[in-house]
């Protein structure tokens, strides 16, 4: 069966309108053509114009059962809705059968986290250069307190980190402030950095972490320094700032099991945002089980 026959006259007319009247790009047209061909194929032997909402749901189930992801199915549904909307306006179709039908929810990707050994390897690397002392202080504070990249970049030297109270106050999303504990190693690394900062900071610069020209270190620069630091340590994986925040949350939850406390420390408005770390914790337990339980090991 040729593509022209499979599409049918209404679909061809709809694509022509997209091309001529709406000036859709060749890439967009190709994507719509593929999705409409899929609709025509799945609808056989029925005419796509005769489908009802329950038929569209059945087609979505078939796509999902064939292994298509939620995002790809959502793209198909968008193309189908556009076609049916055109049929309603130009061909007298009574209602759009694809309206209100949503794709299966895509699984939330689990955040990548370092193992405790990887975190130790990253943070225990030796270097006495002034910028390396700064980097170690940044990364220790990241891992110690689970800060967001934007929160770390925005820290000022004063009030900054309070070594007596052993805490830092940061401003997170939607302008919310929170106090987060700071560990001994992060405090020690910051104590080494402060004299170096005095020699680097430009006059009037209030940032806690400054670059070689004495100005506040940007978020992008912090990200680049961490990636470079991880390569130099030979971890063999891409390390980004959010990974240190994920590692903080995952390791804390593994040790304490207190999800509500981790939520407060991370500054999550909803516990649902924090619950993803329970999956990471289960993955850790599953790996331990697979490695240690005599009936779980795979035999060679």
C-alpha atoms as a PDB file:
ATOM      1  CA  UNK A   1       0.000   0.000   0.000  1.00  0.00           C
ATOM      2  CA  UNK A   2       1.484   3.369  -0.978  1.00  0.00           C
ATOM      3  CA  UNK A   3       1.803   6.205   1.539  1.00  0.00           C
ATOM      4  CA  UNK A   4      -0.709   8.330  -0.403  1.00  0.00           C
ATOM      5  CA  UNK A   5      -3.358   5.604  -0.240  1.00  0.00           C
ATOM      6  CA  UNK A   6      -2.617   4.865   3.421  1.00  0.00           C
ATOM      7  CA  UNK A   7      -3.003   8.498   4.373  1.00  0.00           C
ATOM      8  CA  UNK A   8      -6.263   9.077   2.567  1.00  0.00           C
ATOM      9  CA  UNK A   9      -7.527  12.300   1.054  1.00  0.00           C
ATOM     10  CA  UNK A  10      -8.465  14.083   4.334  1.00  0.00           C
ATOM     11  CA  UNK A  11      -5.023  13.526   5.842  1.00  0.00           C
ATOM     12  CA  UNK A  12      -3.331  14.680   2.649  1.00  0.00           C
ATOM     13  CA  UNK A  13      -5.497  17.828   2.622  1.00  0.00           C
ATOM     14  CA  UNK A  14      -4.652  18.509   6.269  1.00  0.00           C
ATOM     15  CA  UNK A  15      -0.922  18.200   5.563  1.00  0.00           C
ATOM     16  CA  UNK A  16      -1.252  20.568   2.599  1.00  0.00           C
ATOM     17  CA  UNK A  17      -2.871  23.139   4.857  1.00  0.00           C
ATOM     18  CA  UNK A  18      -0.033  22.792   7.363  1.00  0.00           C
ATOM     19  CA  UNK A  19       2.482  23.302   4.576  1.00  0.00           C
ATOM     20  CA  UNK A  20       0.812  26.150   2.656  1.00  0.00           C
ATOM     21  CA  UNK A  21      -1.253  28.099   5.161  1.00  0.00           C
ATOM     22  CA  UNK A  22       0.635  27.482   8.379  1.00  0.00           C
ATOM     23  CA  UNK A  23       4.078  27.278   6.727  1.00  0.00           C
ATOM     24  CA  UNK A  24       5.117  24.231   8.723  1.00  0.00           C
ATOM     25  CA  UNK A  25       8.755  23.249   8.319  1.00  0.00           C
ATOM     26  CA  UNK A  26       9.751  20.122   6.379  1.00  0.00           C
ATOM     27  CA  UNK A  27      10.789  18.532   9.679  1.00  0.00           C
ATOM     28  CA  UNK A  28       7.364  19.237  11.242  1.00  0.00           C
ATOM     29  CA  UNK A  29       5.546  17.959   8.169  1.00  0.00           C
ATOM     30  CA  UNK A  30       7.575  14.750   8.157  1.00  0.00           C
ATOM     31  CA  UNK A  31       6.776  14.172  11.835  1.00  0.00           C
ATOM     32  CA  UNK A  32       3.049  14.803  11.313  1.00  0.00           C
ATOM     33  CA  UNK A  33       3.022  12.513   8.268  1.00  0.00           C
ATOM     34  CA  UNK A  34       4.596   9.686  10.280  1.00  0.00           C
ATOM     35  CA  UNK A  35       2.109  10.113  13.117  1.00  0.00           C
ATOM     36  CA  UNK A  36      -0.882  10.240  10.779  1.00  0.00           C
ATOM     37  CA  UNK A  37       0.344   7.159   8.935  1.00  0.00           C
ATOM     38  CA  UNK A  38       0.490   5.428  12.310  1.00  0.00           C
ATOM     39  CA  UNK A  39      -3.104   6.472  12.995  1.00  0.00           C
ATOM     40  CA  UNK A  40      -4.231   5.165   9.590  1.00  0.00           C
ATOM     41  CA  UNK A  41      -2.371   1.875  10.119  1.00  0.00           C
ATOM     42  CA  UNK A  42      -3.730   1.298  13.622  1.00  0.00           C
ATOM     43  CA  UNK A  43      -7.287   2.196  12.588  1.00  0.00           C
ATOM     44  CA  UNK A  44      -7.464  -0.413   9.817  1.00  0.00           C
ATOM     45  CA  UNK A  45      -9.864  -1.609   8.574  1.00  0.00           C
ATOM     46  CA  UNK A  46     -11.848   1.377   9.928  1.00  0.00           C
ATOM     47  CA  UNK A  47     -11.645   4.912   8.580  1.00  0.00           C
ATOM     48  CA  UNK A  48      -9.829   7.183  11.104  1.00  0.00           C
ATOM     49  CA  UNK A  49     -12.713   9.669  10.788  1.00  0.00           C
ATOM     50  CA  UNK A  50     -15.059   7.029  12.229  1.00  0.00           C
ATOM     51  CA  UNK A  51     -13.114   6.441  15.430  1.00  0.00           C
ATOM     52  CA  UNK A  52     -14.593   7.250  18.845  1.00  0.00           C
ATOM     53  CA  UNK A  53     -12.714   8.233  22.035  1.00  0.00           C
ATOM     54  CA  UNK A  54     -12.640   4.619  23.255  1.00  0.00           C
ATOM     55  CA  UNK A  55     -11.010   3.644  19.935  1.00  0.00           C
ATOM     56  CA  UNK A  56      -8.301   6.284  20.403  1.00  0.00           C
ATOM     57  CA  UNK A  57      -7.645   4.959  23.908  1.00  0.00           C
ATOM     58  CA  UNK A  58      -7.313   1.466  22.458  1.00  0.00           C
ATOM     59  CA  UNK A  59      -4.784   2.711  19.893  1.00  0.00           C
ATOM     60  CA  UNK A  60      -2.817   4.453  22.635  1.00  0.00           C
ATOM     61  CA  UNK A  61      -2.762   1.177  24.579  1.00  0.00           C
ATOM     62  CA  UNK A  62      -1.462  -0.650  21.523  1.00  0.00           C
ATOM     63  CA  UNK A  63       1.339   1.886  21.082  1.00  0.00           C
ATOM     64  CA  UNK A  64       2.253   1.608  24.756  1.00  0.00           C
ATOM     65  CA  UNK A  65       2.163  -2.188  24.578  1.00  0.00           C
ATOM     66  CA  UNK A  66       4.505  -2.055  21.598  1.00  0.00           C
ATOM     67  CA  UNK A  67       7.065  -0.264  23.750  1.00  0.00           C
ATOM     68  CA  UNK A  68       6.517   3.340  22.696  1.00  0.00           C
ATOM     69  CA  UNK A  69       7.297   5.772  25.493  1.00  0.00           C
ATOM     70  CA  UNK A  70       4.946   8.323  26.965  1.00  0.00           C
ATOM     71  CA  UNK A  71       6.668  11.240  25.251  1.00  0.00           C
ATOM     72  CA  UNK A  72       6.432   9.632  21.809  1.00  0.00           C
ATOM     73  CA  UNK A  73       2.791   8.698  22.363  1.00  0.00           C
ATOM     74  CA  UNK A  74       2.103  12.259  23.459  1.00  0.00           C
ATOM     75  CA  UNK A  75       3.570  13.510  20.190  1.00  0.00           C
ATOM     76  CA  UNK A  76       1.294  11.150  18.237  1.00  0.00           C
ATOM     77  CA  UNK A  77      -1.753  12.299  20.168  1.00  0.00           C
ATOM     78  CA  UNK A  78      -0.882  15.923  19.476  1.00  0.00           C
ATOM     79  CA  UNK A  79      -0.757  15.228  15.725  1.00  0.00           C
ATOM     80  CA  UNK A  80      -3.987  13.234  15.871  1.00  0.00           C
ATOM     81  CA  UNK A  81      -5.782  15.982  17.804  1.00  0.00           C
ATOM     82  CA  UNK A  82      -4.697  18.526  15.218  1.00  0.00           C
ATOM     83  CA  UNK A  83      -5.999  16.353  12.391  1.00  0.00           C
ATOM     84  CA  UNK A  84      -9.354  15.731  14.085  1.00  0.00           C
ATOM     85  CA  UNK A  85      -9.679  19.430  14.907  1.00  0.00           C
ATOM     86  CA  UNK A  86      -9.267  20.117  11.188  1.00  0.00           C
ATOM     87  CA  UNK A  87     -11.939  17.509  10.389  1.00  0.00           C
ATOM     88  CA  UNK A  88     -14.347  19.202  12.811  1.00  0.00           C
ATOM     89  CA  UNK A  89     -13.792  22.597  11.213  1.00  0.00           C
ATOM     90  CA  UNK A  90     -13.587  21.634   7.557  1.00  0.00           C
ATOM     91  CA  UNK A  91     -15.281  18.241   7.095  1.00  0.00           C
ATOM     92  CA  UNK A  92     -18.185  18.373   9.527  1.00  0.00           C
ATOM     93  CA  UNK A  93     -16.898  15.842  12.065  1.00  0.00           C
ATOM     94  CA  UNK A  94     -19.105  16.011  15.129  1.00  0.00           C
ATOM     95  CA  UNK A  95     -16.434  15.942  17.844  1.00  0.00           C
ATOM     96  CA  UNK A  96     -12.706  15.457  18.292  1.00  0.00           C
ATOM     97  CA  UNK A  97     -12.246  11.878  19.606  1.00  0.00           C
ATOM     98  CA  UNK A  98      -8.677  12.585  20.743  1.00  0.00           C
ATOM     99  CA  UNK A  99      -9.609  15.476  23.034  1.00  0.00           C
ATOM    100  CA  UNK A 100      -8.898  14.831  26.695  1.00  0.00           C
ATOM    101  CA  UNK A 101      -6.911  11.642  26.058  1.00  0.00           C
ATOM    102  CA  UNK A 102      -3.485  11.712  27.653  1.00  0.00           C
ATOM    103  CA  UNK A 103      -0.457   9.515  27.064  1.00  0.00           C
ATOM    104  CA  UNK A 104       0.831   7.142  29.745  1.00  0.00           C
ATOM    105  CA  UNK A 105       2.908   9.019  32.265  1.00  0.00           C
ATOM    106  CA  UNK A 106       6.568   8.716  31.462  1.00  0.00           C
ATOM    107  CA  UNK A 107       8.620   7.201  34.309  1.00  0.00           C
ATOM    108  CA  UNK A 108      10.549   9.816  36.258  1.00  0.00           C
ATOM    109  CA  UNK A 109      14.252   9.284  35.623  1.00  0.00           C
ATOM    110  CA  UNK A 110      16.140   8.610  38.821  1.00  0.00           C
ATOM    111  CA  UNK A 111      18.793  11.208  39.620  1.00  0.00           C
ATOM    112  CA  UNK A 112      22.364  10.014  39.366  1.00  0.00           C
ATOM    113  CA  UNK A 113      24.236   9.878  42.670  1.00  0.00           C
ATOM    114  CA  UNK A 114      27.786   9.090  43.659  1.00  0.00           C
ATOM    115  CA  UNK A 115      28.518   6.171  45.925  1.00  0.00           C
ATOM    116  CA  UNK A 116      30.010   7.140  49.302  1.00  0.00           C
ATOM    117  CA  UNK A 117      33.399   5.866  48.088  1.00  0.00           C
ATOM    118  CA  UNK A 118      33.180   7.965  44.927  1.00  0.00           C
ATOM    119  CA  UNK A 119      32.244  11.015  46.976  1.00  0.00           C
ATOM    120  CA  UNK A 120      35.249  10.419  49.234  1.00  0.00           C
ATOM    121  CA  UNK A 121      37.577  10.037  46.241  1.00  0.00           C
ATOM    122  CA  UNK A 122      36.273  13.268  44.767  1.00  0.00           C
ATOM    123  CA  UNK A 123      36.578  15.338  47.927  1.00  0.00           C
ATOM    124  CA  UNK A 124      39.816  13.894  49.291  1.00  0.00           C
ATOM    125  CA  UNK A 125      41.933  14.792  46.247  1.00  0.00           C
ATOM    126  CA  UNK A 126      45.053  16.767  47.213  1.00  0.00           C
ATOM    127  CA  UNK A 127      45.942  20.170  45.743  1.00  0.00           C
ATOM    128  CA  UNK A 128      47.309  23.292  47.451  1.00  0.00           C
ATOM    129  CA  UNK A 129      46.660  25.779  44.645  1.00  0.00           C
ATOM    130  CA  UNK A 130      44.460  28.710  45.775  1.00  0.00           C
ATOM    131  CA  UNK A 131      41.752  27.914  43.236  1.00  0.00           C
ATOM    132  CA  UNK A 132      41.857  24.243  44.170  1.00  0.00           C
ATOM    133  CA  UNK A 133      41.383  25.207  47.828  1.00  0.00           C
ATOM    134  CA  UNK A 134      38.351  27.226  46.738  1.00  0.00           C
ATOM    135  CA  UNK A 135      37.019  24.324  44.687  1.00  0.00           C
ATOM    136  CA  UNK A 136      37.364  21.888  47.552  1.00  0.00           C
ATOM    137  CA  UNK A 137      35.482  24.292  49.838  1.00  0.00           C
ATOM    138  CA  UNK A 138      32.686  24.630  47.254  1.00  0.00           C
ATOM    139  CA  UNK A 139      32.346  20.914  46.694  1.00  0.00           C
ATOM    140  CA  UNK A 140      32.541  20.038  50.385  1.00  0.00           C
ATOM    141  CA  UNK A 141      29.767  22.560  51.061  1.00  0.00           C
ATOM    142  CA  UNK A 142      27.709  21.158  48.180  1.00  0.00           C
ATOM    143  CA  UNK A 143      27.937  17.626  49.520  1.00  0.00           C
ATOM    144  CA  UNK A 144      27.754  18.582  53.189  1.00  0.00           C
ATOM    145  CA  UNK A 145      24.605  20.680  52.908  1.00  0.00           C
ATOM    146  CA  UNK A 146      22.833  19.565  49.713  1.00  0.00           C
ATOM    147  CA  UNK A 147      22.708  23.045  48.219  1.00  0.00           C
ATOM    148  CA  UNK A 148      21.387  23.899  44.790  1.00  0.00           C
ATOM    149  CA  UNK A 149      23.925  25.284  42.332  1.00  0.00           C
ATOM    150  CA  UNK A 150      22.163  28.667  42.294  1.00  0.00           C
ATOM    151  CA  UNK A 151      22.207  28.776  46.106  1.00  0.00           C
ATOM    152  CA  UNK A 152      25.926  28.097  46.269  1.00  0.00           C
ATOM    153  CA  UNK A 153      26.764  30.674  43.587  1.00  0.00           C
ATOM    154  CA  UNK A 154      24.690  33.319  45.389  1.00  0.00           C
ATOM    155  CA  UNK A 155      26.396  32.888  48.786  1.00  0.00           C
ATOM    156  CA  UNK A 156      28.106  35.958  50.186  1.00  0.00           C
ATOM    157  CA  UNK A 157      31.135  36.002  52.441  1.00  0.00           C
ATOM    158  CA  UNK A 158      29.083  37.836  55.068  1.00  0.00           C
ATOM    159  CA  UNK A 159      27.090  36.486  56.748  1.00  0.00           C
ATOM    160  CA  UNK A 160      27.912  33.389  54.701  1.00  0.00           C
ATOM    161  CA  UNK A 161      28.535  30.217  56.642  1.00  0.00           C
ATOM    162  CA  UNK A 162      28.334  30.545  60.422  1.00  0.00           C
ATOM    163  CA  UNK A 163      31.156  28.369  61.833  1.00  0.00           C
ATOM    164  CA  UNK A 164      29.882  28.738  65.409  1.00  0.00           C
ATOM    165  CA  UNK A 165      26.299  27.720  64.679  1.00  0.00           C
ATOM    166  CA  UNK A 166      27.659  25.294  62.055  1.00  0.00           C
ATOM    167  CA  UNK A 167      25.001  26.268  59.544  1.00  0.00           C
ATOM    168  CA  UNK A 168      24.419  28.255  56.383  1.00  0.00           C
ATOM    169  CA  UNK A 169      21.329  30.224  55.407  1.00  0.00           C
ATOM    170  CA  UNK A 170      20.422  30.107  51.729  1.00  0.00           C
ATOM    171  CA  UNK A 171      17.632  31.484  49.570  1.00  0.00           C
ATOM    172  CA  UNK A 172      16.053  28.817  47.396  1.00  0.00           C
ATOM    173  CA  UNK A 173      13.196  28.624  44.932  1.00  0.00           C
ATOM    174  CA  UNK A 174      10.399  31.188  45.193  1.00  0.00           C
ATOM    175  CA  UNK A 175      12.557  33.257  47.537  1.00  0.00           C
ATOM    176  CA  UNK A 176      12.263  30.817  50.445  1.00  0.00           C
ATOM    177  CA  UNK A 177      15.135  30.828  52.925  1.00  0.00           C
ATOM    178  CA  UNK A 178      16.277  27.874  54.969  1.00  0.00           C
ATOM    179  CA  UNK A 179      19.079  27.073  57.391  1.00  0.00           C
ATOM    180  CA  UNK A 180      21.124  23.975  56.623  1.00  0.00           C
ATOM    181  CA  UNK A 181      23.753  22.313  58.836  1.00  0.00           C
ATOM    182  CA  UNK A 182      27.372  22.346  57.672  1.00  0.00           C
ATOM    183  CA  UNK A 183      29.675  19.435  58.461  1.00  0.00           C
ATOM    184  CA  UNK A 184      33.162  19.490  59.966  1.00  0.00           C
ATOM    185  CA  UNK A 185      35.007  18.816  56.718  1.00  0.00           C
ATOM    186  CA  UNK A 186      33.160  21.570  54.897  1.00  0.00           C
ATOM    187  CA  UNK A 187      33.865  24.002  57.750  1.00  0.00           C
ATOM    188  CA  UNK A 188      37.558  23.070  57.676  1.00  0.00           C
ATOM    189  CA  UNK A 189      37.729  23.521  53.899  1.00  0.00           C
ATOM    190  CA  UNK A 190      36.015  26.930  54.170  1.00  0.00           C
ATOM    191  CA  UNK A 191      38.451  27.996  56.899  1.00  0.00           C
ATOM    192  CA  UNK A 192      41.318  27.267  54.482  1.00  0.00           C
ATOM    193  CA  UNK A 193      39.580  29.150  51.673  1.00  0.00           C
ATOM    194  CA  UNK A 194      38.836  32.394  53.527  1.00  0.00           C
ATOM    195  CA  UNK A 195      42.471  33.660  53.660  1.00  0.00           C
ATOM    196  CA  UNK A 196      42.882  32.768  49.985  1.00  0.00           C
ATOM    197  CA  UNK A 197      39.682  34.659  49.179  1.00  0.00           C
ATOM    198  CA  UNK A 198      40.979  37.803  50.850  1.00  0.00           C
ATOM    199  CA  UNK A 199      43.891  37.800  48.429  1.00  0.00           C
ATOM    200  CA  UNK A 200      41.712  37.212  45.365  1.00  0.00           C
ATOM    201  CA  UNK A 201      38.464  39.148  45.900  1.00  0.00           C
ATOM    202  CA  UNK A 202      38.120  42.472  44.111  1.00  0.00           C
ATOM    203  CA  UNK A 203      37.381  45.583  46.168  1.00  0.00           C
ATOM    204  CA  UNK A 204      33.731  45.629  47.195  1.00  0.00           C
ATOM    205  CA  UNK A 205      33.046  42.071  45.997  1.00  0.00           C
ATOM    206  CA  UNK A 206      30.777  40.322  48.509  1.00  0.00           C
ATOM    207  CA  UNK A 207      30.724  36.828  47.021  1.00  0.00           C
ATOM    208  CA  UNK A 208      32.002  33.942  49.105  1.00  0.00           C
ATOM    209  CA  UNK A 209      33.413  32.172  46.043  1.00  0.00           C
ATOM    210  CA  UNK A 210      35.305  34.314  43.548  1.00  0.00           C
ATOM    211  CA  UNK A 211      37.277  33.571  40.403  1.00  0.00           C
ATOM    212  CA  UNK A 212      40.848  34.437  39.493  1.00  0.00           C
ATOM    213  CA  UNK A 213      39.737  37.986  38.535  1.00  0.00           C
ATOM    214  CA  UNK A 214      38.174  38.544  41.935  1.00  0.00           C
ATOM    215  CA  UNK A 215      34.522  38.514  40.890  1.00  0.00           C
ATOM    216  CA  UNK A 216      31.666  36.203  41.884  1.00  0.00           C
ATOM    217  CA  UNK A 217      32.025  32.777  40.343  1.00  0.00           C
ATOM    218  CA  UNK A 218      29.167  32.048  37.954  1.00  0.00           C
ATOM    219  CA  UNK A 219      27.089  28.883  38.114  1.00  0.00           C
ATOM    220  CA  UNK A 220      28.497  27.806  34.752  1.00  0.00           C
ATOM    221  CA  UNK A 221      32.067  28.245  36.018  1.00  0.00           C
ATOM    222  CA  UNK A 222      31.323  26.178  39.129  1.00  0.00           C
ATOM    223  CA  UNK A 223      29.885  23.443  36.926  1.00  0.00           C
ATOM    224  CA  UNK A 224      32.981  23.453  34.706  1.00  0.00           C
ATOM    225  CA  UNK A 225      35.348  23.337  37.689  1.00  0.00           C
ATOM    226  CA  UNK A 226      33.524  20.340  39.170  1.00  0.00           C
ATOM    227  CA  UNK A 227      33.652  18.448  35.869  1.00  0.00           C
ATOM    228  CA  UNK A 228      37.380  19.177  35.607  1.00  0.00           C
ATOM    229  CA  UNK A 229      37.971  18.153  39.230  1.00  0.00           C
ATOM    230  CA  UNK A 230      36.149  14.840  38.690  1.00  0.00           C
ATOM    231  CA  UNK A 231      38.197  14.075  35.560  1.00  0.00           C
ATOM    232  CA  UNK A 232      41.406  14.810  37.423  1.00  0.00           C
ATOM    233  CA  UNK A 233      40.345  12.453  40.225  1.00  0.00           C
ATOM    234  CA  UNK A 234      39.825   9.688  37.652  1.00  0.00           C
ATOM    235  CA  UNK A 235      36.235   8.875  38.633  1.00  0.00           C
ATOM    236  CA  UNK A 236      35.432   7.896  35.061  1.00  0.00           C
ATOM    237  CA  UNK A 237      31.921   9.416  35.171  1.00  0.00           C
ATOM    238  CA  UNK A 238      30.460  12.827  34.387  1.00  0.00           C
ATOM    239  CA  UNK A 239      29.933  14.688  37.655  1.00  0.00           C
ATOM    240  CA  UNK A 240      27.729  17.775  37.771  1.00  0.00           C
ATOM    241  CA  UNK A 241      26.689  19.978  40.718  1.00  0.00           C
ATOM    242  CA  UNK A 242      23.219  18.492  41.040  1.00  0.00           C
ATOM    243  CA  UNK A 243      24.835  15.070  41.432  1.00  0.00           C
ATOM    244  CA  UNK A 244      26.407  16.251  44.691  1.00  0.00           C
ATOM    245  CA  UNK A 245      22.974  17.392  45.894  1.00  0.00           C
ATOM    246  CA  UNK A 246      21.508  14.030  44.912  1.00  0.00           C
ATOM    247  CA  UNK A 247      24.361  12.239  46.656  1.00  0.00           C
ATOM    248  CA  UNK A 248      23.801  14.272  49.827  1.00  0.00           C
ATOM    249  CA  UNK A 249      20.101  13.331  49.857  1.00  0.00           C
ATOM    250  CA  UNK A 250      20.609   9.683  48.969  1.00  0.00           C
ATOM    251  CA  UNK A 251      23.378   9.034  51.489  1.00  0.00           C
ATOM    252  CA  UNK A 252      21.522  10.886  54.239  1.00  0.00           C
ATOM    253  CA  UNK A 253      18.356   8.901  53.604  1.00  0.00           C
ATOM    254  CA  UNK A 254      20.272   5.618  53.541  1.00  0.00           C
ATOM    255  CA  UNK A 255      21.739   6.428  56.961  1.00  0.00           C
ATOM    256  CA  UNK A 256      18.728   8.008  58.668  1.00  0.00           C
ATOM    257  CA  UNK A 257      15.617   6.805  56.853  1.00  0.00           C
ATOM    258  CA  UNK A 258      14.017  10.161  57.738  1.00  0.00           C
ATOM    259  CA  UNK A 259      12.370  11.328  54.528  1.00  0.00           C
ATOM    260  CA  UNK A 260      10.755  14.386  56.130  1.00  0.00           C
ATOM    261  CA  UNK A 261      14.110  15.640  57.434  1.00  0.00           C
ATOM    262  CA  UNK A 262      15.690  15.214  54.002  1.00  0.00           C
ATOM    263  CA  UNK A 263      12.785  17.189  52.522  1.00  0.00           C
ATOM    264  CA  UNK A 264      13.466  20.076  54.905  1.00  0.00           C
ATOM    265  CA  UNK A 265      17.198  20.055  54.240  1.00  0.00           C
ATOM    266  CA  UNK A 266      16.705  20.044  50.475  1.00  0.00           C
ATOM    267  CA  UNK A 267      14.093  22.795  50.630  1.00  0.00           C
ATOM    268  CA  UNK A 268      11.477  20.786  48.738  1.00  0.00           C
ATOM    269  CA  UNK A 269       8.001  22.308  48.944  1.00  0.00           C
ATOM    270  CA  UNK A 270       6.386  18.893  48.533  1.00  0.00           C
ATOM    271  CA  UNK A 271       7.334  15.518  49.979  1.00  0.00           C
ATOM    272  CA  UNK A 272       6.652  14.051  46.518  1.00  0.00           C
ATOM    273  CA  UNK A 273       9.804  15.727  45.229  1.00  0.00           C
ATOM    274  CA  UNK A 274      11.831  13.994  47.938  1.00  0.00           C
ATOM    275  CA  UNK A 275      10.261  10.557  47.575  1.00  0.00           C
ATOM    276  CA  UNK A 276      12.377   9.830  44.503  1.00  0.00           C
ATOM    277  CA  UNK A 277      15.282   9.232  46.889  1.00  0.00           C
ATOM    278  CA  UNK A 278      13.442   6.295  48.410  1.00  0.00           C
ATOM    279  CA  UNK A 279      13.836   4.635  44.997  1.00  0.00           C
ATOM    280  CA  UNK A 280      17.562   5.341  45.072  1.00  0.00           C
ATOM    281  CA  UNK A 281      17.731   3.893  48.576  1.00  0.00           C
ATOM    282  CA  UNK A 282      15.902   0.746  47.426  1.00  0.00           C
ATOM    283  CA  UNK A 283      18.281   0.407  44.466  1.00  0.00           C
ATOM    284  CA  UNK A 284      21.208   0.525  46.908  1.00  0.00           C
ATOM    285  CA  UNK A 285      19.612  -2.155  49.083  1.00  0.00           C
ATOM    286  CA  UNK A 286      18.854  -4.273  46.016  1.00  0.00           C
ATOM    287  CA  UNK A 287      22.502  -4.112  44.907  1.00  0.00           C
ATOM    288  CA  UNK A 288      23.647  -5.162  48.384  1.00  0.00           C
ATOM    289  CA  UNK A 289      21.163  -8.052  48.317  1.00  0.00           C
ATOM    290  CA  UNK A 290      22.233  -9.183  44.852  1.00  0.00           C
ATOM    291  CA  UNK A 291      25.890  -9.062  45.839  1.00  0.00           C
ATOM    292  CA  UNK A 292      25.553 -10.719  49.253  1.00  0.00           C
ATOM    293  CA  UNK A 293      22.613 -13.113  49.353  1.00  0.00           C
ATOM    294  CA  UNK A 294      23.675 -16.639  48.354  1.00  0.00           C
ATOM    295  CA  UNK A 295      20.402 -17.310  46.567  1.00  0.00           C
ATOM    296  CA  UNK A 296      20.460 -14.010  44.672  1.00  0.00           C
ATOM    297  CA  UNK A 297      23.852 -14.244  43.021  1.00  0.00           C
ATOM    298  CA  UNK A 298      23.998 -14.977  39.331  1.00  0.00           C
ATOM    299  CA  UNK A 299      25.994 -18.085  38.683  1.00  0.00           C
ATOM    300  CA  UNK A 300      28.615 -17.966  35.967  1.00  0.00           C
END
